[in-house]
N, C-alpha and C. Protein backbone atom coordinates (compact mmCIF):
# COMPACT_ATOMS: atom_id res chain seq x y z
N UNK A 1 2.26 -7.52 16.70
CA UNK A 1 2.38 -7.98 18.07
C UNK A 1 2.15 -6.86 19.09
N UNK A 2 1.31 -7.14 19.97
CA UNK A 2 1.23 -6.18 21.06
C UNK A 2 2.21 -6.48 22.04
N UNK A 3 3.25 -5.82 22.22
CA UNK A 3 4.43 -6.14 23.00
C UNK A 3 4.08 -6.33 24.46
N UNK A 4 3.29 -5.38 24.96
CA UNK A 4 2.99 -5.28 26.53
C UNK A 4 2.36 -6.62 26.99
N UNK A 5 1.64 -7.19 26.09
CA UNK A 5 0.79 -8.49 26.51
C UNK A 5 1.18 -9.68 25.56
N UNK A 6 1.90 -9.58 24.69
CA UNK A 6 2.53 -10.67 23.85
C UNK A 6 1.47 -11.36 22.95
N UNK A 7 0.44 -10.52 22.48
CA UNK A 7 -0.56 -11.19 21.78
C UNK A 7 -0.37 -10.48 20.19
N UNK A 8 -0.59 -11.25 19.10
CA UNK A 8 -0.52 -10.86 17.89
C UNK A 8 -1.77 -9.97 17.49
N UNK A 9 -1.49 -9.10 16.54
CA UNK A 9 -2.49 -8.11 16.15
C UNK A 9 -3.33 -8.82 14.96
N UNK A 10 -4.45 -8.53 14.68
CA UNK A 10 -5.34 -9.05 13.72
C UNK A 10 -5.30 -8.22 12.42
N UNK A 11 -4.29 -7.31 12.44
CA UNK A 11 -4.13 -6.37 11.24
C UNK A 11 -5.00 -5.19 11.42
N UNK A 12 -4.99 -4.48 10.19
CA UNK A 12 -5.68 -3.31 10.06
C UNK A 12 -7.24 -3.34 10.02
N UNK A 13 -7.84 -4.44 9.47
CA UNK A 13 -9.25 -4.57 9.32
C UNK A 13 -10.10 -4.36 10.52
N UNK A 14 -9.84 -4.89 11.56
CA UNK A 14 -10.69 -4.75 12.78
C UNK A 14 -10.68 -3.28 13.18
N UNK A 15 -9.59 -2.59 13.05
CA UNK A 15 -9.73 -1.06 13.31
C UNK A 15 -10.46 -0.28 12.45
N UNK A 16 -10.49 -0.63 11.16
CA UNK A 16 -11.25 -0.04 10.21
C UNK A 16 -12.72 -0.19 10.36
N UNK A 17 -13.04 -1.37 10.84
CA UNK A 17 -14.50 -1.69 11.30
C UNK A 17 -14.80 -0.80 12.43
N UNK A 18 -14.06 -0.65 13.32
CA UNK A 18 -14.35 0.28 14.58
C UNK A 18 -14.57 1.68 13.99
N UNK A 19 -13.75 2.18 13.02
CA UNK A 19 -13.84 3.62 12.43
C UNK A 19 -15.32 3.61 11.67
N UNK A 20 -15.48 2.56 10.93
CA UNK A 20 -16.87 2.43 10.15
C UNK A 20 -18.01 2.62 10.99
N UNK A 21 -17.94 1.81 12.09
CA UNK A 21 -19.12 1.80 12.97
C UNK A 21 -19.33 3.13 13.87
N UNK A 22 -18.15 3.66 14.24
CA UNK A 22 -18.16 5.03 14.86
C UNK A 22 -18.74 6.01 13.85
N UNK A 23 -18.22 6.10 12.72
CA UNK A 23 -18.75 7.12 11.74
C UNK A 23 -20.18 6.81 11.39
N UNK A 24 -20.69 5.62 11.28
CA UNK A 24 -22.11 5.30 11.04
C UNK A 24 -22.97 5.85 12.23
N UNK A 25 -22.44 5.98 13.35
CA UNK A 25 -23.27 6.40 14.66
C UNK A 25 -23.35 7.94 14.54
N UNK A 26 -22.38 8.59 13.94
CA UNK A 26 -22.44 10.00 13.87
C UNK A 26 -23.38 10.61 12.69
N UNK A 27 -24.13 11.65 13.02
CA UNK A 27 -25.01 12.24 12.00
C UNK A 27 -25.16 13.69 12.41
N UNK A 28 -25.60 14.49 11.51
CA UNK A 28 -25.90 15.82 11.79
C UNK A 28 -27.33 16.10 12.02
N UNK A 29 -27.86 16.09 13.22
CA UNK A 29 -29.35 16.30 13.25
C UNK A 29 -30.11 15.30 12.68
N UNK A 30 -29.70 14.15 12.18
CA UNK A 30 -30.33 13.17 11.35
C UNK A 30 -30.44 13.64 9.97
N UNK A 31 -29.79 14.58 9.50
CA UNK A 31 -29.96 14.98 8.18
C UNK A 31 -28.71 14.48 7.33
N UNK A 32 -27.67 14.36 7.97
CA UNK A 32 -26.51 13.98 7.16
C UNK A 32 -25.61 13.03 7.93
N UNK A 33 -25.31 11.94 7.31
CA UNK A 33 -24.44 10.93 8.11
C UNK A 33 -22.97 11.18 8.06
N UNK A 34 -22.28 10.77 8.92
CA UNK A 34 -20.89 10.93 8.94
C UNK A 34 -20.18 10.17 7.83
N UNK A 35 -19.07 10.59 7.30
CA UNK A 35 -18.52 9.91 6.27
C UNK A 35 -16.90 9.79 6.65
N UNK A 36 -16.30 8.69 5.99
CA UNK A 36 -14.99 8.51 6.20
C UNK A 36 -14.45 7.57 5.05
N UNK A 37 -13.28 7.67 4.72
CA UNK A 37 -12.53 7.01 3.58
C UNK A 37 -11.30 6.37 4.11
N UNK A 38 -11.02 5.03 3.94
CA UNK A 38 -9.83 4.51 4.18
C UNK A 38 -8.90 4.22 2.97
N UNK A 39 -7.74 4.59 3.07
CA UNK A 39 -6.81 4.26 2.09
C UNK A 39 -5.73 3.18 2.43
N UNK A 40 -5.30 2.55 1.29
CA UNK A 40 -4.24 1.46 1.76
C UNK A 40 -3.36 1.28 0.55
N UNK A 41 -2.26 1.06 0.72
CA UNK A 41 -1.10 0.80 -0.42
C UNK A 41 -1.35 -0.60 -0.83
N UNK A 42 -1.09 -0.80 -2.12
CA UNK A 42 -1.21 -2.13 -2.66
C UNK A 42 -0.27 -3.18 -2.31
N UNK A 43 0.78 -2.78 -1.75
CA UNK A 43 1.88 -3.76 -1.13
C UNK A 43 1.67 -4.13 0.20
N UNK A 44 0.72 -3.60 0.89
CA UNK A 44 0.46 -3.87 2.24
C UNK A 44 -0.07 -5.27 2.58
N UNK A 45 0.39 -6.02 3.43
CA UNK A 45 0.00 -7.50 3.68
C UNK A 45 -1.48 -7.48 3.94
N UNK A 46 -2.31 -6.54 4.37
CA UNK A 46 -3.59 -6.72 4.55
C UNK A 46 -4.48 -6.36 3.28
N UNK A 47 -3.92 -6.03 2.22
CA UNK A 47 -4.55 -5.45 1.08
C UNK A 47 -5.72 -6.37 0.46
N UNK A 48 -5.37 -7.56 0.53
CA UNK A 48 -6.40 -8.53 -0.11
C UNK A 48 -7.67 -8.52 0.86
N UNK A 49 -7.50 -8.36 2.18
CA UNK A 49 -8.69 -8.16 3.00
C UNK A 49 -9.32 -6.79 2.91
N UNK A 50 -8.46 -5.80 2.67
CA UNK A 50 -8.90 -4.60 2.40
C UNK A 50 -9.93 -4.44 1.07
N UNK A 51 -9.52 -5.17 0.25
CA UNK A 51 -10.36 -5.16 -1.06
C UNK A 51 -11.79 -5.70 -0.82
N UNK A 52 -11.76 -6.65 0.31
CA UNK A 52 -13.17 -7.37 0.64
C UNK A 52 -14.02 -6.48 1.57
N UNK A 53 -13.58 -5.34 2.04
CA UNK A 53 -14.17 -4.55 3.02
C UNK A 53 -15.73 -4.33 2.91
N UNK A 54 -15.94 -4.01 1.65
CA UNK A 54 -17.28 -3.66 1.20
C UNK A 54 -18.15 -4.74 0.59
N UNK A 55 -17.67 -5.94 0.46
CA UNK A 55 -18.55 -7.01 -0.08
C UNK A 55 -19.75 -7.18 0.89
N UNK A 56 -20.73 -7.72 0.34
CA UNK A 56 -22.07 -8.14 0.87
C UNK A 56 -22.00 -9.54 1.46
N UNK A 57 -20.99 -10.24 1.25
CA UNK A 57 -20.79 -11.65 1.86
C UNK A 57 -19.58 -11.80 2.74
N UNK A 58 -19.67 -12.82 3.45
CA UNK A 58 -18.61 -13.05 4.35
C UNK A 58 -18.83 -12.52 5.86
N UNK A 59 -17.75 -12.56 6.74
CA UNK A 59 -17.83 -12.25 7.96
C UNK A 59 -18.15 -10.79 8.24
N UNK A 60 -19.34 -10.41 8.75
CA UNK A 60 -19.65 -9.00 8.96
C UNK A 60 -18.67 -8.26 9.86
N UNK A 61 -17.91 -9.00 10.74
CA UNK A 61 -17.02 -8.33 11.57
C UNK A 61 -15.88 -7.74 10.70
N UNK A 62 -15.75 -8.14 9.62
CA UNK A 62 -14.57 -7.87 8.72
C UNK A 62 -15.11 -7.01 7.45
N UNK A 63 -16.28 -6.38 7.64
CA UNK A 63 -16.99 -5.59 6.61
C UNK A 63 -17.11 -4.13 6.95
N UNK A 64 -17.09 -3.18 6.11
CA UNK A 64 -17.34 -1.73 6.48
C UNK A 64 -18.20 -1.13 5.36
N UNK A 65 -19.39 -1.42 5.38
CA UNK A 65 -20.41 -0.96 4.39
C UNK A 65 -20.55 0.46 4.42
N UNK A 66 -20.28 1.16 5.31
CA UNK A 66 -20.52 2.67 5.37
C UNK A 66 -19.23 3.40 5.13
N UNK A 67 -18.15 2.82 4.87
CA UNK A 67 -16.76 3.47 4.74
C UNK A 67 -16.39 3.42 3.28
N UNK A 68 -16.02 4.41 2.62
CA UNK A 68 -15.47 4.50 1.30
C UNK A 68 -14.05 3.97 1.28
N UNK A 69 -13.47 3.16 0.39
CA UNK A 69 -12.22 2.78 0.38
C UNK A 69 -11.34 3.37 -0.86
N UNK A 70 -10.16 3.32 -0.89
CA UNK A 70 -9.42 3.82 -1.96
C UNK A 70 -7.96 3.18 -1.89
N UNK A 71 -7.28 3.07 -3.12
CA UNK A 71 -5.91 2.43 -3.07
C UNK A 71 -4.93 3.45 -3.49
N UNK A 72 -3.75 3.47 -2.90
CA UNK A 72 -2.66 4.17 -3.33
C UNK A 72 -1.81 3.07 -4.26
N UNK A 73 -1.63 3.57 -5.43
CA UNK A 73 -1.03 2.55 -6.44
C UNK A 73 0.38 3.17 -6.94
N UNK A 74 1.42 2.52 -6.66
CA UNK A 74 2.72 3.03 -7.24
C UNK A 74 2.96 2.72 -8.67
N UNK A 75 3.70 3.39 -9.21
CA UNK A 75 4.15 3.23 -10.80
C UNK A 75 4.61 1.79 -10.97
N UNK A 76 5.42 1.25 -10.01
CA UNK A 76 6.07 0.00 -10.07
C UNK A 76 4.82 -1.03 -10.22
N UNK A 77 3.75 -0.93 -9.47
CA UNK A 77 2.64 -1.84 -9.57
C UNK A 77 2.16 -1.82 -10.97
N UNK A 78 1.91 -0.64 -11.49
CA UNK A 78 1.39 -0.62 -12.81
C UNK A 78 2.32 -1.18 -13.93
N UNK A 79 3.66 -0.99 -13.70
CA UNK A 79 4.73 -1.67 -14.64
C UNK A 79 4.51 -3.13 -14.55
N UNK A 80 4.38 -3.81 -13.42
CA UNK A 80 4.34 -5.21 -13.25
C UNK A 80 2.93 -5.67 -13.81
N UNK A 81 1.88 -4.92 -13.72
CA UNK A 81 0.68 -5.34 -14.33
C UNK A 81 0.90 -5.34 -15.94
N UNK A 82 1.32 -4.41 -16.37
CA UNK A 82 1.58 -4.35 -17.87
C UNK A 82 2.49 -5.34 -18.34
N UNK A 83 3.52 -6.00 -17.49
CA UNK A 83 4.49 -6.99 -17.76
C UNK A 83 3.90 -8.28 -17.50
N UNK A 84 2.70 -8.19 -16.77
CA UNK A 84 2.14 -9.60 -16.28
C UNK A 84 3.13 -10.10 -15.31
N UNK A 85 3.75 -9.33 -14.47
CA UNK A 85 4.69 -9.80 -13.44
C UNK A 85 4.02 -10.13 -12.20
N UNK A 86 4.90 -10.48 -11.23
CA UNK A 86 4.32 -10.72 -9.87
C UNK A 86 4.45 -9.44 -8.97
N UNK A 87 3.57 -9.51 -8.00
CA UNK A 87 3.61 -8.53 -6.94
C UNK A 87 3.59 -9.20 -5.66
N UNK A 88 4.27 -8.55 -4.73
CA UNK A 88 4.55 -9.17 -3.37
C UNK A 88 3.87 -8.28 -2.36
N UNK A 89 3.16 -8.82 -1.53
CA UNK A 89 2.69 -8.15 -0.21
C UNK A 89 3.63 -8.10 0.78
N UNK A 90 3.60 -6.97 1.59
CA UNK A 90 4.66 -6.82 2.63
C UNK A 90 4.06 -6.29 3.96
N UNK A 91 4.68 -6.71 5.04
CA UNK A 91 4.27 -6.13 6.30
C UNK A 91 5.05 -4.81 6.60
N UNK A 92 4.35 -3.74 6.84
CA UNK A 92 5.07 -2.42 6.94
C UNK A 92 6.02 -2.51 8.23
N UNK A 93 5.79 -3.15 9.16
CA UNK A 93 6.70 -3.38 10.27
C UNK A 93 8.06 -4.11 9.84
N UNK A 94 7.94 -5.09 9.10
CA UNK A 94 9.10 -5.92 8.63
C UNK A 94 9.79 -5.14 7.51
N UNK A 95 9.14 -4.33 6.77
CA UNK A 95 9.62 -3.65 5.74
C UNK A 95 9.43 -2.09 5.87
N UNK A 96 10.19 -1.43 6.69
CA UNK A 96 9.94 -0.11 6.97
C UNK A 96 10.38 0.86 5.73
N UNK A 97 9.80 1.91 5.65
CA UNK A 97 10.17 2.89 4.72
C UNK A 97 9.28 3.01 3.45
N UNK A 98 8.52 1.93 3.18
CA UNK A 98 7.87 1.85 1.97
C UNK A 98 6.67 2.94 2.00
N UNK A 99 6.06 3.18 3.07
CA UNK A 99 4.98 4.07 3.03
C UNK A 99 5.54 5.52 3.15
N UNK A 100 6.77 5.77 3.23
CA UNK A 100 7.44 7.00 3.41
C UNK A 100 8.22 7.32 2.07
N UNK A 101 8.11 6.61 1.20
CA UNK A 101 8.99 6.80 -0.15
C UNK A 101 8.10 6.75 -1.25
N UNK A 102 8.55 7.21 -2.60
CA UNK A 102 7.77 7.07 -3.68
C UNK A 102 8.82 7.23 -4.77
N UNK A 103 8.32 6.89 -6.05
CA UNK A 103 9.00 7.03 -7.19
C UNK A 103 10.17 6.12 -7.26
N UNK A 104 11.40 6.53 -7.57
CA UNK A 104 12.59 5.63 -7.70
C UNK A 104 12.95 5.06 -6.41
N UNK A 105 12.81 5.91 -5.40
CA UNK A 105 13.28 5.51 -4.03
C UNK A 105 12.34 4.33 -3.49
N UNK A 106 11.14 4.50 -3.88
CA UNK A 106 10.25 3.27 -3.48
C UNK A 106 10.44 2.10 -4.11
N UNK A 107 10.66 2.13 -5.56
CA UNK A 107 11.03 1.04 -6.30
C UNK A 107 12.26 0.31 -5.80
N UNK A 108 13.33 1.14 -5.49
CA UNK A 108 14.59 0.48 -5.11
C UNK A 108 14.37 -0.36 -3.67
N UNK A 109 13.63 0.26 -2.90
CA UNK A 109 13.40 -0.28 -1.50
C UNK A 109 12.55 -1.64 -1.66
N UNK A 110 11.49 -1.49 -2.54
CA UNK A 110 10.58 -2.54 -2.73
C UNK A 110 11.38 -3.66 -3.25
N UNK A 111 11.98 -3.43 -4.23
CA UNK A 111 12.73 -4.45 -4.86
C UNK A 111 13.86 -5.09 -4.04
N UNK A 112 14.49 -4.30 -3.09
CA UNK A 112 15.40 -4.71 -2.21
C UNK A 112 14.85 -5.73 -1.35
N UNK A 113 13.53 -5.36 -0.63
CA UNK A 113 12.95 -6.26 0.26
C UNK A 113 12.48 -7.55 -0.41
N UNK A 114 12.05 -7.47 -1.69
CA UNK A 114 11.80 -8.70 -2.46
C UNK A 114 12.97 -9.68 -2.58
N UNK A 115 14.15 -9.14 -2.90
CA UNK A 115 15.36 -9.79 -2.99
C UNK A 115 15.78 -10.50 -1.68
N UNK A 116 15.47 -9.71 -0.55
CA UNK A 116 15.72 -10.21 0.83
C UNK A 116 14.82 -11.19 1.23
N UNK A 117 13.76 -11.42 0.42
CA UNK A 117 12.75 -12.52 0.86
C UNK A 117 11.80 -11.97 1.89
N UNK A 118 11.57 -10.71 2.17
CA UNK A 118 10.83 -10.14 3.12
C UNK A 118 9.27 -10.22 2.80
N UNK A 119 8.97 -10.41 1.69
CA UNK A 119 7.52 -10.43 1.12
C UNK A 119 6.71 -11.72 1.83
N UNK A 120 5.56 -11.50 2.02
CA UNK A 120 4.92 -12.63 2.56
C UNK A 120 3.98 -13.38 1.56
N UNK A 121 3.41 -12.66 0.52
CA UNK A 121 2.55 -13.38 -0.40
C UNK A 121 3.01 -13.08 -1.79
């Protein structure tokens, strides 16, 4: 939510598109293109859209063909994969602290937010 005008945000993807297009416009005397890489945590509410950024199909306004992408994956995610467990996506504004913690502290906070029903997907 953009408080000053009361309009909801479209998430991180439109901003990554801007970074992609800006980087594509930069080159070094025509011999070397600009480069950028975006990282996202697998618990982020926009993660499913993040995975689609480099696809060749879909809405071009939500694609970043010139940007590299990478994921930050916590141990808890891999444990859940191994157990065939569920994974919950969360909004960083509604679930503060997840991006600032790791290891046991991350797991405790993530599980707390799940128990509180703060996950969205």
